[in-house]
C-alpha atoms as a PDB file:
ATOM      1  CA  UNK A   1       0.000   0.000   0.000  1.00  0.00           C
ATOM      2  CA  UNK A   2       2.928   2.363   0.466  1.00  0.00           C
ATOM      3  CA  UNK A   3       4.013   4.544   3.363  1.00  0.00           C
ATOM      4  CA  UNK A   4       0.877   6.697   3.501  1.00  0.00           C
ATOM      5  CA  UNK A   5      -2.582   5.516   4.527  1.00  0.00           C
ATOM      6  CA  UNK A   6      -5.471   7.605   5.802  1.00  0.00           C
ATOM      7  CA  UNK A   7      -9.190   6.822   6.051  1.00  0.00           C
ATOM      8  CA  UNK A   8     -12.228   9.060   6.493  1.00  0.00           C
ATOM      9  CA  UNK A   9     -15.960   8.485   5.993  1.00  0.00           C
ATOM     10  CA  UNK A  10     -19.485   9.839   6.259  1.00  0.00           C
ATOM     11  CA  UNK A  11     -23.118   8.760   5.839  1.00  0.00           C
ATOM     12  CA  UNK A  12     -25.296  10.495   3.248  1.00  0.00           C
ATOM     13  CA  UNK A  13     -29.081  10.427   3.049  1.00  0.00           C
ATOM     14  CA  UNK A  14     -29.206   9.510  -0.634  1.00  0.00           C
ATOM     15  CA  UNK A  15     -28.956   6.414  -2.885  1.00  0.00           C
ATOM     16  CA  UNK A  16     -25.541   5.219  -4.030  1.00  0.00           C
ATOM     17  CA  UNK A  17     -26.284   6.222  -7.626  1.00  0.00           C
ATOM     18  CA  UNK A  18     -26.797   9.834  -6.558  1.00  0.00           C
ATOM     19  CA  UNK A  19     -23.573   9.914  -4.535  1.00  0.00           C
ATOM     20  CA  UNK A  20     -21.704   8.227  -7.397  1.00  0.00           C
ATOM     21  CA  UNK A  21     -22.694  11.045  -9.738  1.00  0.00           C
ATOM     22  CA  UNK A  22     -21.468  13.636  -7.242  1.00  0.00           C
ATOM     23  CA  UNK A  23     -17.971  12.089  -7.017  1.00  0.00           C
ATOM     24  CA  UNK A  24     -17.453  11.295 -10.710  1.00  0.00           C
ATOM     25  CA  UNK A  25     -19.298  13.965 -12.730  1.00  0.00           C
ATOM     26  CA  UNK A  26     -16.923  16.962 -13.115  1.00  0.00           C
ATOM     27  CA  UNK A  27     -19.737  19.510 -13.094  1.00  0.00           C
ATOM     28  CA  UNK A  28     -20.922  18.153  -9.758  1.00  0.00           C
ATOM     29  CA  UNK A  29     -17.400  17.678  -8.372  1.00  0.00           C
ATOM     30  CA  UNK A  30     -16.771  21.338  -9.045  1.00  0.00           C
ATOM     31  CA  UNK A  31     -19.701  22.296  -6.798  1.00  0.00           C
ATOM     32  CA  UNK A  32     -18.414  20.696  -3.576  1.00  0.00           C
ATOM     33  CA  UNK A  33     -14.806  19.647  -4.224  1.00  0.00           C
ATOM     34  CA  UNK A  34     -13.145  22.806  -5.575  1.00  0.00           C
ATOM     35  CA  UNK A  35     -12.683  25.799  -3.265  1.00  0.00           C
ATOM     36  CA  UNK A  36     -14.470  28.849  -4.736  1.00  0.00           C
ATOM     37  CA  UNK A  37     -11.460  30.990  -3.795  1.00  0.00           C
ATOM     38  CA  UNK A  38      -9.487  29.378  -6.623  1.00  0.00           C
ATOM     39  CA  UNK A  39     -11.946  30.590  -9.249  1.00  0.00           C
ATOM     40  CA  UNK A  40     -11.374  27.239 -10.942  1.00  0.00           C
ATOM     41  CA  UNK A  41     -13.428  24.908 -13.129  1.00  0.00           C
ATOM     42  CA  UNK A  42     -13.216  21.128 -13.540  1.00  0.00           C
ATOM     43  CA  UNK A  43     -13.507  18.916 -16.624  1.00  0.00           C
ATOM     44  CA  UNK A  44     -13.096  15.191 -17.305  1.00  0.00           C
ATOM     45  CA  UNK A  45     -11.987  13.675 -20.609  1.00  0.00           C
ATOM     46  CA  UNK A  46     -12.954  10.335 -22.155  1.00  0.00           C
ATOM     47  CA  UNK A  47      -9.984   8.627 -20.482  1.00  0.00           C
ATOM     48  CA  UNK A  48     -11.077   9.694 -17.008  1.00  0.00           C
ATOM     49  CA  UNK A  49      -8.534  12.496 -16.538  1.00  0.00           C
ATOM     50  CA  UNK A  50      -9.791  15.307 -14.317  1.00  0.00           C
ATOM     51  CA  UNK A  51      -8.455  18.768 -15.137  1.00  0.00           C
ATOM     52  CA  UNK A  52      -8.709  22.043 -13.267  1.00  0.00           C
ATOM     53  CA  UNK A  53      -8.866  25.268 -15.251  1.00  0.00           C
ATOM     54  CA  UNK A  54      -7.066  28.194 -13.616  1.00  0.00           C
ATOM     55  CA  UNK A  55      -7.523  31.269 -15.778  1.00  0.00           C
ATOM     56  CA  UNK A  56      -5.912  30.560 -19.167  1.00  0.00           C
ATOM     57  CA  UNK A  57      -4.126  27.459 -17.849  1.00  0.00           C
ATOM     58  CA  UNK A  58      -5.540  23.947 -17.609  1.00  0.00           C
ATOM     59  CA  UNK A  59      -3.826  21.444 -15.330  1.00  0.00           C
ATOM     60  CA  UNK A  60      -4.411  17.691 -15.253  1.00  0.00           C
ATOM     61  CA  UNK A  61      -4.776  16.912 -11.542  1.00  0.00           C
ATOM     62  CA  UNK A  62      -6.042  13.324 -11.327  1.00  0.00           C
ATOM     63  CA  UNK A  63      -7.211  10.338 -13.311  1.00  0.00           C
ATOM     64  CA  UNK A  64     -10.132   8.075 -12.386  1.00  0.00           C
ATOM     65  CA  UNK A  65      -9.235   4.386 -12.568  1.00  0.00           C
ATOM     66  CA  UNK A  66     -10.685   1.007 -11.557  1.00  0.00           C
ATOM     67  CA  UNK A  67     -14.227   2.332 -11.764  1.00  0.00           C
ATOM     68  CA  UNK A  68     -16.923  -0.068 -10.514  1.00  0.00           C
ATOM     69  CA  UNK A  69     -20.121   2.001 -10.561  1.00  0.00           C
ATOM     70  CA  UNK A  70     -21.771   2.671  -8.231  1.00  0.00           C
ATOM     71  CA  UNK A  71     -19.557   1.040  -5.586  1.00  0.00           C
ATOM     72  CA  UNK A  72     -15.890   2.010  -5.969  1.00  0.00           C
ATOM     73  CA  UNK A  73     -13.508   4.289  -7.859  1.00  0.00           C
ATOM     74  CA  UNK A  74      -9.837   5.168  -7.419  1.00  0.00           C
ATOM     75  CA  UNK A  75      -8.386   8.582  -8.242  1.00  0.00           C
ATOM     76  CA  UNK A  76      -4.620   8.905  -8.853  1.00  0.00           C
ATOM     77  CA  UNK A  77      -2.943  12.291  -8.458  1.00  0.00           C
ATOM     78  CA  UNK A  78      -1.083  13.584 -11.515  1.00  0.00           C
ATOM     79  CA  UNK A  79       1.543  13.837 -12.838  1.00  0.00           C
ATOM     80  CA  UNK A  80       3.321  11.410 -10.506  1.00  0.00           C
ATOM     81  CA  UNK A  81       0.502   8.887  -9.721  1.00  0.00           C
ATOM     82  CA  UNK A  82       2.238   8.536  -6.370  1.00  0.00           C
ATOM     83  CA  UNK A  83      -0.827   8.804  -4.121  1.00  0.00           C
ATOM     84  CA  UNK A  84      -4.202   7.147  -4.734  1.00  0.00           C
ATOM     85  CA  UNK A  85      -7.601   8.102  -3.338  1.00  0.00           C
ATOM     86  CA  UNK A  86     -10.221   5.326  -3.278  1.00  0.00           C
ATOM     87  CA  UNK A  87     -13.928   5.976  -2.714  1.00  0.00           C
ATOM     88  CA  UNK A  88     -16.102   3.047  -1.588  1.00  0.00           C
ATOM     89  CA  UNK A  89     -19.910   3.436  -1.495  1.00  0.00           C
ATOM     90  CA  UNK A  90     -22.066   1.009   0.488  1.00  0.00           C
ATOM     91  CA  UNK A  91     -25.834   0.973   1.073  1.00  0.00           C
ATOM     92  CA  UNK A  92     -26.641   1.644   4.730  1.00  0.00           C
ATOM     93  CA  UNK A  93     -29.864   2.522   6.587  1.00  0.00           C
ATOM     94  CA  UNK A  94     -31.631   3.734   3.467  1.00  0.00           C
ATOM     95  CA  UNK A  95     -28.696   5.918   2.443  1.00  0.00           C
ATOM     96  CA  UNK A  96     -25.025   5.562   1.514  1.00  0.00           C
ATOM     97  CA  UNK A  97     -21.913   5.077   3.619  1.00  0.00           C
ATOM     98  CA  UNK A  98     -18.969   6.761   1.865  1.00  0.00           C
ATOM     99  CA  UNK A  99     -15.468   5.659   2.789  1.00  0.00           C
ATOM    100  CA  UNK A 100     -12.374   7.426   1.431  1.00  0.00           C
ATOM    101  CA  UNK A 101      -8.882   5.935   1.736  1.00  0.00           C
ATOM    102  CA  UNK A 102      -5.766   7.910   0.823  1.00  0.00           C
ATOM    103  CA  UNK A 103      -2.922   5.473   0.181  1.00  0.00           C
ATOM    104  CA  UNK A 104       0.359   4.957  -1.662  1.00  0.00           C
ATOM    105  CA  UNK A 105       3.529   6.993  -1.555  1.00  0.00           C
ATOM    106  CA  UNK A 106       5.997   4.118  -1.870  1.00  0.00           C
ATOM    107  CA  UNK A 107       8.879   6.563  -2.345  1.00  0.00           C
ATOM    108  CA  UNK A 108       7.907   8.734   0.648  1.00  0.00           C
ATOM    109  CA  UNK A 109      10.080   8.718   3.754  1.00  0.00           C
ATOM    110  CA  UNK A 110       8.461   8.087   7.121  1.00  0.00           C
ATOM    111  CA  UNK A 111       8.615  11.800   7.959  1.00  0.00           C
ATOM    112  CA  UNK A 112       7.155  12.795   4.587  1.00  0.00           C
ATOM    113  CA  UNK A 113       4.211  10.441   5.087  1.00  0.00           C
ATOM    114  CA  UNK A 114       3.549  11.454   8.715  1.00  0.00           C
ATOM    115  CA  UNK A 115       3.659  15.153   7.907  1.00  0.00           C
ATOM    116  CA  UNK A 116       0.885  14.697   5.345  1.00  0.00           C
ATOM    117  CA  UNK A 117      -1.543  12.971   7.715  1.00  0.00           C
ATOM    118  CA  UNK A 118      -2.871  15.951   9.692  1.00  0.00           C
ATOM    119  CA  UNK A 119      -3.499  18.343   6.773  1.00  0.00           C
ATOM    120  CA  UNK A 120      -4.881  15.587   4.538  1.00  0.00           C
ATOM    121  CA  UNK A 121      -7.130  14.202   7.274  1.00  0.00           C
ATOM    122  CA  UNK A 122      -8.554  17.636   8.066  1.00  0.00           C
ATOM    123  CA  UNK A 123      -9.066  18.441   4.375  1.00  0.00           C
ATOM    124  CA  UNK A 124     -10.941  15.185   3.762  1.00  0.00           C
ATOM    125  CA  UNK A 125     -13.186  15.734   6.783  1.00  0.00           C
ATOM    126  CA  UNK A 126     -14.117  19.106   5.295  1.00  0.00           C
ATOM    127  CA  UNK A 127     -14.519  17.689   1.780  1.00  0.00           C
ATOM    128  CA  UNK A 128     -16.803  14.861   2.923  1.00  0.00           C
ATOM    129  CA  UNK A 129     -18.900  17.284   4.965  1.00  0.00           C
ATOM    130  CA  UNK A 130     -19.245  19.358   1.785  1.00  0.00           C
ATOM    131  CA  UNK A 131     -20.164  16.254  -0.239  1.00  0.00           C
ATOM    132  CA  UNK A 132     -22.835  15.282   2.274  1.00  0.00           C
ATOM    133  CA  UNK A 133     -24.308  18.806   2.303  1.00  0.00           C
ATOM    134  CA  UNK A 134     -24.232  19.079  -1.492  1.00  0.00           C
ATOM    135  CA  UNK A 135     -25.985  15.765  -2.112  1.00  0.00           C
ATOM    136  CA  UNK A 136     -28.556  16.450   0.615  1.00  0.00           C
ATOM    137  CA  UNK A 137     -29.283  19.931  -0.753  1.00  0.00           C
ATOM    138  CA  UNK A 138     -27.768  21.884   2.147  1.00  0.00           C
ATOM    139  CA  UNK A 139     -25.402  24.860   2.212  1.00  0.00           C
ATOM    140  CA  UNK A 140     -21.736  23.821   2.121  1.00  0.00           C
ATOM    141  CA  UNK A 141     -20.233  24.034   5.635  1.00  0.00           C
ATOM    142  CA  UNK A 142     -16.724  24.601   4.247  1.00  0.00           C
ATOM    143  CA  UNK A 143     -16.586  26.873   1.189  1.00  0.00           C
ATOM    144  CA  UNK A 144     -12.821  26.441   1.281  1.00  0.00           C
ATOM    145  CA  UNK A 145     -11.296  22.943   1.411  1.00  0.00           C
ATOM    146  CA  UNK A 146      -7.618  22.550   0.541  1.00  0.00           C
ATOM    147  CA  UNK A 147      -7.066  20.692  -2.709  1.00  0.00           C
ATOM    148  CA  UNK A 148      -3.333  20.555  -1.987  1.00  0.00           C
ATOM    149  CA  UNK A 149      -3.986  18.642   1.246  1.00  0.00           C
ATOM    150  CA  UNK A 150      -6.700  16.488  -0.328  1.00  0.00           C
ATOM    151  CA  UNK A 151      -4.199  15.171  -2.874  1.00  0.00           C
ATOM    152  CA  UNK A 152      -1.440  14.799  -0.252  1.00  0.00           C
ATOM    153  CA  UNK A 153       0.762  17.692  -1.376  1.00  0.00           C
ATOM    154  CA  UNK A 154       0.958  19.544   1.961  1.00  0.00           C
ATOM    155  CA  UNK A 155       3.521  18.696   4.647  1.00  0.00           C
ATOM    156  CA  UNK A 156       3.025  20.289   8.056  1.00  0.00           C
ATOM    157  CA  UNK A 157       4.630  20.245  11.475  1.00  0.00           C
ATOM    158  CA  UNK A 158       4.217  22.706  14.347  1.00  0.00           C
ATOM    159  CA  UNK A 159       7.221  24.633  13.030  1.00  0.00           C
ATOM    160  CA  UNK A 160       7.046  24.238   9.262  1.00  0.00           C
ATOM    161  CA  UNK A 161       4.509  24.344   6.410  1.00  0.00           C
ATOM    162  CA  UNK A 162       5.589  23.044   2.994  1.00  0.00           C
ATOM    163  CA  UNK A 163       4.298  22.026  -0.415  1.00  0.00           C
ATOM    164  CA  UNK A 164       5.862  18.892  -1.916  1.00  0.00           C
ATOM    165  CA  UNK A 165       5.441  17.647  -5.475  1.00  0.00           C
ATOM    166  CA  UNK A 166       7.287  15.006  -7.463  1.00  0.00           C
ATOM    167  CA  UNK A 167       7.574  13.535 -10.933  1.00  0.00           C
ATOM    168  CA  UNK A 168       9.312  10.579 -12.552  1.00  0.00           C
ATOM    169  CA  UNK A 169      11.507  11.469 -15.526  1.00  0.00           C
ATOM    170  CA  UNK A 170      12.843   9.045 -18.127  1.00  0.00           C
ATOM    171  CA  UNK A 171      16.442  10.257 -17.871  1.00  0.00           C
ATOM    172  CA  UNK A 172      19.510   9.751 -15.638  1.00  0.00           C
ATOM    173  CA  UNK A 173      19.994  11.972 -12.598  1.00  0.00           C
ATOM    174  CA  UNK A 174      22.922  13.748 -14.247  1.00  0.00           C
ATOM    175  CA  UNK A 175      20.673  14.920 -17.093  1.00  0.00           C
ATOM    176  CA  UNK A 176      17.961  16.111 -14.715  1.00  0.00           C
ATOM    177  CA  UNK A 177      20.581  17.865 -12.583  1.00  0.00           C
ATOM    178  CA  UNK A 178      21.776  19.841 -15.600  1.00  0.00           C
ATOM    179  CA  UNK A 179      18.233  20.893 -16.429  1.00  0.00           C
ATOM    180  CA  UNK A 180      17.610  22.402 -12.975  1.00  0.00           C
ATOM    181  CA  UNK A 181      21.026  24.047 -12.499  1.00  0.00           C
ATOM    182  CA  UNK A 182      22.146  25.322 -15.932  1.00  0.00           C
ATOM    183  CA  UNK A 183      20.602  28.768 -16.582  1.00  0.00           C
ATOM    184  CA  UNK A 184      20.534  28.110 -20.331  1.00  0.00           C
ATOM    185  CA  UNK A 185      18.437  24.974 -19.734  1.00  0.00           C
ATOM    186  CA  UNK A 186      16.163  26.580 -17.113  1.00  0.00           C
ATOM    187  CA  UNK A 187      15.170  29.039 -19.860  1.00  0.00           C
ATOM    188  CA  UNK A 188      13.773  26.200 -21.942  1.00  0.00           C
ATOM    189  CA  UNK A 189      11.267  24.709 -19.461  1.00  0.00           C
ATOM    190  CA  UNK A 190      10.579  27.407 -16.881  1.00  0.00           C
ATOM    191  CA  UNK A 191      10.353  30.615 -18.861  1.00  0.00           C
ATOM    192  CA  UNK A 192      10.798  30.133 -22.605  1.00  0.00           C
ATOM    193  CA  UNK A 193      12.034  33.382 -24.146  1.00  0.00           C
ATOM    194  CA  UNK A 194      13.137  34.868 -20.795  1.00  0.00           C
ATOM    195  CA  UNK A 195      16.862  34.830 -20.108  1.00  0.00           C
ATOM    196  CA  UNK A 196      18.261  33.336 -16.916  1.00  0.00           C
ATOM    197  CA  UNK A 197      21.696  34.011 -15.470  1.00  0.00           C
ATOM    198  CA  UNK A 198      23.879  32.737 -12.647  1.00  0.00           C
ATOM    199  CA  UNK A 199      27.079  33.436 -10.748  1.00  0.00           C
ATOM    200  CA  UNK A 200      28.168  29.814 -10.356  1.00  0.00           C
ATOM    201  CA  UNK A 201      26.945  26.514  -8.964  1.00  0.00           C
ATOM    202  CA  UNK A 202      28.289  26.888  -5.424  1.00  0.00           C
ATOM    203  CA  UNK A 203      27.021  27.778  -1.964  1.00  0.00           C
ATOM    204  CA  UNK A 204      26.296  31.504  -2.031  1.00  0.00           C
ATOM    205  CA  UNK A 205      25.924  31.520  -5.801  1.00  0.00           C
ATOM    206  CA  UNK A 206      22.855  33.078  -7.351  1.00  0.00           C
ATOM    207  CA  UNK A 207      20.415  32.156 -10.108  1.00  0.00           C
ATOM    208  CA  UNK A 208      18.156  34.865 -11.469  1.00  0.00           C
ATOM    209  CA  UNK A 209      16.108  36.276 -14.331  1.00  0.00           C
ATOM    210  CA  UNK A 210      17.713  39.189 -16.164  1.00  0.00           C
ATOM    211  CA  UNK A 211      15.667  42.344 -16.597  1.00  0.00           C
ATOM    212  CA  UNK A 212      15.680  42.790 -20.407  1.00  0.00           C
ATOM    213  CA  UNK A 213      15.784  46.594 -20.087  1.00  0.00           C
ATOM    214  CA  UNK A 214      18.259  47.172 -17.250  1.00  0.00           C
ATOM    215  CA  UNK A 215      20.109  43.858 -16.966  1.00  0.00           C
ATOM    216  CA  UNK A 216      19.320  43.813 -13.236  1.00  0.00           C
ATOM    217  CA  UNK A 217      18.637  40.601 -11.326  1.00  0.00           C
ATOM    218  CA  UNK A 218      15.016  39.603 -10.696  1.00  0.00           C
ATOM    219  CA  UNK A 219      13.486  36.627  -8.850  1.00  0.00           C
ATOM    220  CA  UNK A 220      16.903  35.836  -7.382  1.00  0.00           C
ATOM    221  CA  UNK A 221      17.545  32.449  -5.774  1.00  0.00           C
ATOM    222  CA  UNK A 222      20.600  32.012  -3.514  1.00  0.00           C
ATOM    223  CA  UNK A 223      22.190  28.564  -3.404  1.00  0.00           C
ATOM    224  CA  UNK A 224      22.218  27.186   0.164  1.00  0.00           C
ATOM    225  CA  UNK A 225      23.384  23.629  -0.574  1.00  0.00           C
ATOM    226  CA  UNK A 226      24.677  21.881  -3.680  1.00  0.00           C
ATOM    227  CA  UNK A 227      25.325  18.126  -3.823  1.00  0.00           C
ATOM    228  CA  UNK A 228      25.437  17.033  -7.487  1.00  0.00           C
ATOM    229  CA  UNK A 229      23.530  15.122  -8.722  1.00  0.00           C
ATOM    230  CA  UNK A 230      21.528  14.448  -5.557  1.00  0.00           C
ATOM    231  CA  UNK A 231      20.320  17.646  -3.869  1.00  0.00           C
ATOM    232  CA  UNK A 232      20.014  21.370  -4.495  1.00  0.00           C
ATOM    233  CA  UNK A 233      18.675  23.893  -1.972  1.00  0.00           C
ATOM    234  CA  UNK A 234      17.960  27.541  -2.785  1.00  0.00           C
ATOM    235  CA  UNK A 235      16.350  30.415  -0.893  1.00  0.00           C
ATOM    236  CA  UNK A 236      14.445  33.322  -2.380  1.00  0.00           C
ATOM    237  CA  UNK A 237      15.480  36.961  -2.113  1.00  0.00           C
ATOM    238  CA  UNK A 238      12.086  38.601  -1.739  1.00  0.00           C
ATOM    239  CA  UNK A 239      11.076  42.219  -1.715  1.00  0.00           C
ATOM    240  CA  UNK A 240       9.070  43.185   1.399  1.00  0.00           C
ATOM    241  CA  UNK A 241       6.421  42.253   2.383  1.00  0.00           C
ATOM    242  CA  UNK A 242       7.138  38.921   0.689  1.00  0.00           C
ATOM    243  CA  UNK A 243       8.459  35.974   2.707  1.00  0.00           C
ATOM    244  CA  UNK A 244      11.690  34.034   2.230  1.00  0.00           C
ATOM    245  CA  UNK A 245      10.945  30.573   0.852  1.00  0.00           C
ATOM    246  CA  UNK A 246      13.332  27.639   0.626  1.00  0.00           C
ATOM    247  CA  UNK A 247      13.200  25.241  -2.328  1.00  0.00           C
ATOM    248  CA  UNK A 248      14.767  21.790  -2.061  1.00  0.00           C
ATOM    249  CA  UNK A 249      15.249  19.585  -5.121  1.00  0.00           C
ATOM    250  CA  UNK A 250      16.001  15.898  -4.488  1.00  0.00           C
ATOM    251  CA  UNK A 251      16.993  13.522  -7.280  1.00  0.00           C
ATOM    252  CA  UNK A 252      16.654   9.772  -6.697  1.00  0.00           C
ATOM    253  CA  UNK A 253      17.261   6.869  -9.072  1.00  0.00           C
ATOM    254  CA  UNK A 254      14.033   4.981  -9.759  1.00  0.00           C
ATOM    255  CA  UNK A 255      13.029   2.382 -12.373  1.00  0.00           C
ATOM    256  CA  UNK A 256      15.820   3.298 -14.790  1.00  0.00           C
ATOM    257  CA  UNK A 257      15.024   7.015 -14.551  1.00  0.00           C
ATOM    258  CA  UNK A 258      14.883   9.753 -11.934  1.00  0.00           C
ATOM    259  CA  UNK A 259      12.343  10.640  -9.272  1.00  0.00           C
ATOM    260  CA  UNK A 260      12.557  14.410  -8.840  1.00  0.00           C
ATOM    261  CA  UNK A 261      11.031  15.740  -5.601  1.00  0.00           C
ATOM    262  CA  UNK A 262      10.477  19.452  -5.059  1.00  0.00           C
ATOM    263  CA  UNK A 263       9.783  20.756  -1.544  1.00  0.00           C
ATOM    264  CA  UNK A 264       8.861  24.425  -1.124  1.00  0.00           C
ATOM    265  CA  UNK A 265       8.982  25.608   2.497  1.00  0.00           C
ATOM    266  CA  UNK A 266       8.427  28.788   4.473  1.00  0.00           C
ATOM    267  CA  UNK A 267       4.647  29.180   4.388  1.00  0.00           C
ATOM    268  CA  UNK A 268       4.541  29.222   8.199  1.00  0.00           C
ATOM    269  CA  UNK A 269       6.043  32.728   7.952  1.00  0.00           C
ATOM    270  CA  UNK A 270       3.251  34.041   5.731  1.00  0.00           C
ATOM    271  CA  UNK A 271       0.206  35.900   7.072  1.00  0.00           C
ATOM    272  CA  UNK A 272      -2.577  33.452   7.940  1.00  0.00           C
ATOM    273  CA  UNK A 273      -5.018  35.251   5.631  1.00  0.00           C
ATOM    274  CA  UNK A 274      -2.867  34.591   2.530  1.00  0.00           C
ATOM    275  CA  UNK A 275      -1.102  31.328   3.424  1.00  0.00           C
ATOM    276  CA  UNK A 276      -3.821  28.877   2.399  1.00  0.00           C
ATOM    277  CA  UNK A 277      -4.517  30.312  -1.055  1.00  0.00           C
ATOM    278  CA  UNK A 278      -0.780  30.702  -1.797  1.00  0.00           C
ATOM    279  CA  UNK A 279      -0.152  27.067  -0.896  1.00  0.00           C
ATOM    280  CA  UNK A 280      -3.123  26.041  -3.009  1.00  0.00           C
ATOM    281  CA  UNK A 281      -2.008  27.926  -6.113  1.00  0.00           C
ATOM    282  CA  UNK A 282       1.631  26.887  -5.740  1.00  0.00           C
ATOM    283  CA  UNK A 283       0.760  23.213  -5.304  1.00  0.00           C
ATOM    284  CA  UNK A 284      -0.874  23.177  -8.742  1.00  0.00           C
ATOM    285  CA  UNK A 285       1.719  25.508 -10.241  1.00  0.00           C
ATOM    286  CA  UNK A 286       4.648  23.331  -9.163  1.00  0.00           C
ATOM    287  CA  UNK A 287       2.946  20.273 -10.643  1.00  0.00           C
ATOM    288  CA  UNK A 288       2.577  22.069 -13.969  1.00  0.00           C
ATOM    289  CA  UNK A 289       6.176  23.272 -13.787  1.00  0.00           C
ATOM    290  CA  UNK A 290       7.451  19.715 -13.235  1.00  0.00           C
ATOM    291  CA  UNK A 291       5.465  18.536 -16.254  1.00  0.00           C
ATOM    292  CA  UNK A 292       7.252  21.165 -18.349  1.00  0.00           C
ATOM    293  CA  UNK A 293      10.614  20.097 -16.955  1.00  0.00           C
ATOM    294  CA  UNK A 294      10.019  16.406 -17.718  1.00  0.00           C
ATOM    295  CA  UNK A 295       8.804  17.189 -21.234  1.00  0.00           C
ATOM    296  CA  UNK A 296      11.861  19.331 -21.957  1.00  0.00           C
ATOM    297  CA  UNK A 297      14.271  16.640 -20.746  1.00  0.00           C
ATOM    298  CA  UNK A 298      12.450  13.876 -22.622  1.00  0.00           C
ATOM    299  CA  UNK A 299      12.344  15.873 -25.871  1.00  0.00           C
ATOM    300  CA  UNK A 300       8.575  16.369 -25.889  1.00  0.00           C
ATOM    301  CA  UNK A 301       6.395  19.396 -26.538  1.00  0.00           C
ATOM    302  CA  UNK A 302       5.950  21.566 -23.451  1.00  0.00           C
ATOM    303  CA  UNK A 303       2.434  21.240 -21.997  1.00  0.00           C
ATOM    304  CA  UNK A 304       2.697  24.857 -20.784  1.00  0.00           C
ATOM    305  CA  UNK A 305       4.783  26.687 -23.404  1.00  0.00           C
ATOM    306  CA  UNK A 306       3.977  30.094 -21.902  1.00  0.00           C
ATOM    307  CA  UNK A 307       6.122  29.216 -18.888  1.00  0.00           C
ATOM    308  CA  UNK A 308       5.715  30.489 -15.357  1.00  0.00           C
END
C-alpha cells in the first residue's frame, strides 16, 4: 500500500447512484470539491482524466481508474501517480456510507508520510462534509477545502509548512541535474524566451532572471546547498512584504530514470489570511512546472509553453 494511509468516511441520506454522480461527474465535483477561492473549473476527458482550469491554464490533476459504478472508484494524483484516493460506497440505513482511503507513496520517507496525515485528514473531513451537504441539498459548511492537502501535497509540522510535489523522468539523474542548475536549460522549461543568469553553482551563488531593459537581477535564488547530482537547496530573495521561501530539489534513481522531488517551504512565515490560497495555487503551479521540466528533458512538446 505504500508509506501513507489515511481513512475518512461519512453517511449520506441519498442512494448510491446519486452519490456516485457527485464524485465522478466533473460539473458536480466542481460544486463541492473545488474551493471557490481558486476561481477554478473542472472537466473530465474520455480517459477519465480530471483537469482544473485556472484562468488561461488547464492542469491535469487526477485520473479516475478502476471504476466499478456505483460502488468504488480510485483517483490517482497527476503527474506522478504517487498517491491514490479510493472511494467506496455502500448501502446503509436507506442511504449511503462513503469511505475514502488515501494510500500509496511508496517513495515517501516516514517523515514525509507522517507530515501529510494531519493536513490531509482535516481536508478530507471538510470535503466529505461538503459532499454530504451538497448531495442532501444543504449549504456547504466549508466553502474552502484545501485541494493541496486532499491530494497529499501539503507537509506540516508545528514549526514548518511546505508544499511537496514530485515527478518521474525518463532520464539519468545527471541529465535532470543539468536541467535544474544550468541557466541556459532553465530558460527552456521554466520561462521560454526569458533569459536566466547565474554566478556559479556553489554555496552563495545566485540564479536569477535578467531584466531585459536594465540587466538587473530579478526573482533571485541564492544557493544554500549543492550536492550534485543528488540535492540542491535555494532560498528566495524577496522584496518586502514577501516571505523568504526555501526550495529543495532531491533527485533519486528509480526504475531506470529519476524521481525528482520538489519541496517548497516557508509558508509558516506568511500571514494566515494569505497562506492557504498561496499554498493552493503553488501546489498546482509546481505540478505544472514539473510537467514542463520532464517534457523538456524527454524531448517532448511543453504542456505549458507560456512558462511560469
